[in-house]
C-alpha cells in the first residue's frame, strides 16, 4: 500500500487490519466477530454503515479500479451480514459457522459472487463480499430452521 494514511485508507483497511499478513481478508472478517454480541439488528445496521463507508472510501482510493488485498472493509461488511443471521446470544459454534461460510463463499466466489467480483469500481469491490455475506446468512438461516 503506497501513500500516506488518509481517511479513505483508514476505512478501507479497517484501521490497518488489512495490512496484517498472511490472509488480510480473514483478519478483516475476524475483526468484526465480536459484533455478534450486540445481536442481529446491530450486526445488520453495522453491515449497512460499513458498506456505505466502504463505498465512499474505495471510490476515493487511487487503486479503485482494482481490489487490492489490503482493502478489507468489504470483508467486514460481508461478515457482519452473515452474523446478522444469528440470534442474540448465539453460541460459538454458530459464530464459527458464520465465519467459515462467509470465508468459503468469499474465497470460492460461486455464481453471482464471482460475477460481482468481476465488476469494476467501488461497487464491484464491495458487492462480492456483500453477496457472500448474504449467501452465508441464507445458509445459516436454513441450518437454524432445520436444526
Protein backbone atom coordinates (compact mmCIF):
# COMPACT_ATOMS: atom_id res chain seq x y z
CA UNK A 1 0.00 0.00 0.00
CA UNK A 2 1.67 3.16 -1.18
CA UNK A 3 0.99 6.62 0.12
CA UNK A 4 0.11 8.26 3.38
CA UNK A 5 -2.73 7.30 5.68
CA UNK A 6 -5.89 9.10 4.65
CA UNK A 7 -9.43 8.70 5.96
CA UNK A 8 -10.26 6.55 2.93
CA UNK A 9 -7.25 4.25 3.50
CA UNK A 10 -8.03 4.08 7.22
CA UNK A 11 -11.58 2.88 6.45
CA UNK A 12 -10.54 0.62 3.56
CA UNK A 13 -8.00 -1.20 5.76
CA UNK A 14 -10.32 -1.27 8.80
CA UNK A 15 -7.89 0.80 10.84
CA UNK A 16 -4.85 -1.03 9.44
CA UNK A 17 -6.08 -4.61 9.83
CA UNK A 18 -5.83 -5.04 6.05
CA UNK A 19 -2.07 -4.66 6.37
CA UNK A 20 -1.75 -7.82 8.50
CA UNK A 21 -0.24 -10.87 6.82
CA UNK A 22 -0.99 -13.54 5.86
CA UNK A 23 -4.61 -13.53 4.70
CA UNK A 24 -5.70 -9.91 5.27
CA UNK A 25 -9.29 -10.72 4.26
CA UNK A 26 -9.51 -13.31 7.01
CA UNK A 27 -8.19 -10.79 9.53
CA UNK A 28 -10.76 -8.25 8.33
CA UNK A 29 -13.54 -10.80 8.75
CA UNK A 30 -12.33 -11.82 12.21
CA UNK A 31 -12.18 -8.21 13.39
CA UNK A 32 -15.97 -7.80 13.32
CA UNK A 33 -16.85 -11.12 15.01
CA UNK A 34 -17.37 -9.55 18.47
CA UNK A 35 -20.28 -7.59 16.98
CA UNK A 36 -22.35 -10.79 17.28
CA UNK A 37 -22.63 -9.96 20.98
CA UNK A 38 -24.76 -6.95 20.04
CA UNK A 39 -27.40 -9.08 18.32
CA UNK A 40 -28.68 -9.39 14.75
CA UNK A 41 -30.20 -5.93 14.44
CA UNK A 42 -26.97 -4.22 15.32
CA UNK A 43 -24.98 -6.52 13.02
CA UNK A 44 -27.29 -5.60 10.16
CA UNK A 45 -27.02 -1.88 10.92
CA UNK A 46 -23.24 -2.09 11.22
CA UNK A 47 -23.08 -4.01 7.92
CA UNK A 48 -25.04 -1.23 6.23
CA UNK A 49 -22.89 1.51 7.75
CA UNK A 50 -19.64 -0.29 6.95
CA UNK A 51 -20.88 -0.98 3.42
CA UNK A 52 -21.65 2.69 2.83
CA UNK A 53 -18.36 3.79 4.40
CA UNK A 54 -16.58 1.23 2.24
CA UNK A 55 -18.20 2.52 -0.95
CA UNK A 56 -17.12 6.04 -0.03
CA UNK A 57 -13.58 5.01 0.92
CA UNK A 58 -12.87 2.72 -2.03
CA UNK A 59 -14.17 5.30 -4.50
CA UNK A 60 -11.51 7.72 -3.22
CA UNK A 61 -8.54 5.35 -3.46
CA UNK A 62 -6.10 5.71 -6.36
CA UNK A 63 -6.33 1.89 -6.70
CA UNK A 64 -10.13 1.98 -7.02
CA UNK A 65 -10.13 0.19 -10.39
CA UNK A 66 -8.87 -2.99 -8.70
CA UNK A 67 -9.49 -4.77 -5.40
CA UNK A 68 -6.15 -4.63 -3.57
CA UNK A 69 -5.81 -7.33 -0.91
CA UNK A 70 -5.27 -4.69 1.80
CA UNK A 71 -8.80 -3.36 1.24
CA UNK A 72 -10.79 -5.35 3.83
CA UNK A 73 -13.74 -3.08 4.61
CA UNK A 74 -15.72 -5.25 2.18
CA UNK A 75 -14.92 -8.37 4.22
CA UNK A 76 -16.03 -6.61 7.38
CA UNK A 77 -19.38 -5.64 5.85
CA UNK A 78 -19.98 -9.11 4.40
CA UNK A 79 -19.08 -10.87 7.63
CA UNK A 80 -21.46 -8.62 9.55
CA UNK A 81 -24.27 -9.65 7.18
CA UNK A 82 -23.55 -13.30 7.91
CA UNK A 83 -23.56 -12.59 11.65
CA UNK A 84 -26.92 -10.83 11.33
CA UNK A 85 -28.47 -14.24 10.61
CA UNK A 86 -27.64 -15.41 14.11
CA UNK A 87 -29.88 -14.83 17.13
CA UNK A 88 -28.88 -12.74 20.11
CA UNK A 89 -26.71 -14.92 22.34
CA UNK A 90 -25.57 -17.22 19.54
CA UNK A 91 -23.11 -19.85 20.71
CA UNK A 92 -19.56 -20.02 19.42
CA UNK A 93 -20.20 -22.96 17.03
CA UNK A 94 -22.74 -20.80 15.18
CA UNK A 95 -20.34 -17.85 15.11
CA UNK A 96 -17.61 -20.12 13.77
CA UNK A 97 -20.03 -21.46 11.14
CA UNK A 98 -20.87 -17.89 10.08
CA UNK A 99 -17.17 -17.08 9.81
CA UNK A 100 -16.28 -20.22 7.85
CA UNK A 101 -19.25 -19.97 5.49
CA UNK A 102 -18.54 -16.34 4.71
CA UNK A 103 -14.85 -17.02 4.07
CA UNK A 104 -15.72 -20.07 1.93
CA UNK A 105 -18.08 -18.06 -0.27
CA UNK A 106 -15.73 -15.06 -0.37
CA UNK A 107 -12.79 -17.18 -1.48
CA UNK A 108 -14.54 -19.58 -3.90
CA UNK A 109 -16.92 -16.93 -5.32
CA UNK A 110 -19.75 -19.19 -6.53
CA UNK A 111 -22.34 -17.90 -9.02
CA UNK A 112 -23.33 -14.26 -8.60
CA UNK A 113 -20.46 -13.65 -6.17
CA UNK A 114 -17.99 -14.36 -8.96
CA UNK A 115 -19.92 -12.09 -11.32
CA UNK A 116 -19.86 -9.28 -8.74
CA UNK A 117 -16.12 -9.79 -8.21
CA UNK A 118 -15.51 -9.07 -11.90
CA UNK A 119 -17.30 -5.70 -11.74
CA UNK A 120 -15.17 -2.58 -11.71
CA UNK A 121 -15.08 0.29 -9.28
CA UNK A 122 -16.08 0.68 -5.66
CA UNK A 123 -19.38 -1.13 -6.13
CA UNK A 124 -17.60 -4.17 -7.57
CA UNK A 125 -15.11 -4.21 -4.70
CA UNK A 126 -17.90 -4.16 -2.10
CA UNK A 127 -20.60 -6.19 -3.85
CA UNK A 128 -18.94 -9.62 -3.98
CA UNK A 129 -18.41 -9.65 -0.23
CA UNK A 130 -21.91 -8.37 0.48
CA UNK A 131 -23.30 -11.19 -1.65
CA UNK A 132 -21.01 -13.72 0.08
CA UNK A 133 -22.33 -12.48 3.43
CA UNK A 134 -25.93 -12.68 2.23
CA UNK A 135 -25.40 -16.24 0.95
CA UNK A 136 -23.76 -17.26 4.24
CA UNK A 137 -26.71 -15.72 6.11
CA UNK A 138 -29.13 -17.69 3.94
CA UNK A 139 -27.34 -20.97 4.60
CA UNK A 140 -27.23 -20.21 8.32
CA UNK A 141 -30.95 -19.40 8.31
CA UNK A 142 -31.78 -22.73 6.65
CA UNK A 143 -29.46 -24.60 9.05
CA UNK A 144 -31.09 -22.95 12.05
CA UNK A 145 -34.56 -23.83 10.76
CA UNK A 146 -33.60 -27.45 10.14
CA UNK A 147 -31.73 -27.90 13.40
